Amino acid sequence: MILEHFSFEMQDLLDKYQDGNLTLKELHDKYVEIGTEGHDILRYEDILAHARLNKQQIKLHAGFIPRTYAKMLMKEGEESGIKTAK
């Protein structure tokens, strides 16, 4: 399951949550602390809990580039954004 609310830099958080190493509250707190997306992920509690309970069938994937890079791509172009991301 691809989650556009999470940038690829947050994949580790999703993995830890799905493996049971983070609670939903801890996931939310870390998301707010390090993220720039600003979504209310607590609205998706049921979906996240379902994915966690069914982790053998459902893999959570962070599916968004960080807003920092997205803004750079829009302002400075693809070459600059890719260079900075590397």
Protein backbone atom coordinates (compact mmCIF):
# COMPACT_ATOMS: atom_id res chain seq x y z
CA MET A 1 0.00 0.00 0.00
CA ILE A 2 1.55 3.30 -1.08
CA LEU A 3 1.04 6.17 1.31
CA GLU A 4 1.44 9.56 -0.32
CA HIS A 5 1.37 11.23 3.09
CA PHE A 6 4.83 9.88 3.83
CA SER A 7 7.97 10.90 1.97
CA PHE A 8 10.47 8.23 1.06
CA GLU A 9 12.70 9.54 3.86
CA MET A 10 10.09 8.25 6.33
CA GLN A 11 10.08 4.63 5.17
CA ASP A 12 11.94 3.61 8.32
CA LEU A 13 9.09 4.98 10.45
CA LEU A 14 6.52 2.94 8.55
CA ASP A 15 8.66 -0.18 8.85
CA LYS A 16 9.06 0.29 12.60
CA TYR A 17 5.34 0.92 13.04
CA GLN A 18 4.37 -2.09 11.00
CA ASP A 19 6.85 -4.30 12.86
CA GLY A 20 5.39 -3.20 16.21
CA ASN A 21 8.36 -1.09 17.28
CA LEU A 22 6.39 2.18 17.26
CA THR A 23 2.89 2.91 18.49
CA LEU A 24 0.58 5.01 16.34
CA LYS A 25 1.20 7.96 18.66
CA GLU A 26 4.97 7.54 18.34
CA LEU A 27 4.62 7.28 14.57
CA HIS A 28 2.56 10.47 14.55
CA ASP A 29 4.97 12.33 16.83
CA LYS A 30 8.00 11.40 14.72
CA TYR A 31 6.09 12.23 11.53
CA VAL A 32 5.37 15.72 12.86
CA GLU A 33 8.93 16.12 14.14
CA ILE A 34 10.79 15.26 10.94
CA GLY A 35 8.22 15.70 8.21
CA THR A 36 7.28 18.66 6.08
CA GLU A 37 4.07 17.19 4.66
CA GLY A 38 1.81 18.29 7.51
CA HIS A 39 -0.97 15.74 7.06
CA ASP A 40 -3.09 14.50 9.96
CA ILE A 41 -2.09 10.85 9.83
CA LEU A 42 -4.23 10.04 12.87
CA ARG A 43 -7.23 10.21 10.52
CA TYR A 44 -5.88 7.02 8.95
CA GLU A 45 -5.66 5.07 12.18
CA ASP A 46 -7.97 2.29 10.94
CA ILE A 47 -6.06 1.81 7.69
CA LEU A 48 -2.68 1.85 9.43
CA ALA A 49 -3.88 -0.58 12.10
CA HIS A 50 -5.28 -2.92 9.43
CA ALA A 51 -1.96 -2.86 7.54
CA ARG A 52 -0.10 -3.56 10.76
CA LEU A 53 -2.30 -6.52 11.65
CA ASN A 54 -1.97 -7.91 8.13
CA LYS A 55 1.68 -7.16 7.48
CA GLN A 56 2.18 -10.50 5.73
CA GLN A 57 -0.19 -9.37 2.98
CA ILE A 58 0.17 -5.57 3.15
CA LYS A 59 3.46 -3.67 2.96
CA LEU A 60 3.36 0.05 3.73
CA HIS A 61 5.44 2.14 1.32
CA ALA A 62 6.32 5.81 1.70
CA GLY A 63 5.41 7.07 -1.74
CA PHE A 64 6.13 10.76 -1.94
CA ILE A 65 9.22 12.82 -2.56
CA PRO A 66 9.88 15.27 0.28
CA ARG A 67 8.28 18.67 -0.24
CA THR A 68 11.70 20.28 -0.03
CA TYR A 69 12.75 18.46 -3.20
CA ALA A 70 9.39 18.92 -4.89
CA LYS A 71 9.58 22.69 -4.39
CA MET A 72 13.14 22.70 -5.70
CA LEU A 73 12.08 20.76 -8.79
CA MET A 74 9.34 23.29 -9.48
CA LYS A 75 11.54 26.35 -8.94
CA GLU A 76 14.95 25.25 -10.20
CA GLY A 77 14.22 22.38 -12.54
CA GLU A 78 14.77 18.67 -12.61
CA GLU A 79 18.56 18.70 -12.90
CA SER A 80 19.03 20.82 -9.76
CA GLY A 81 16.53 18.79 -7.75
CA ILE A 82 18.10 15.46 -8.67
CA LYS A 83 21.61 16.77 -7.95
CA THR A 84 20.57 17.94 -4.49
CA ALA A 85 18.68 14.73 -3.72
CA LYS A 86 21.75 12.64 -4.50
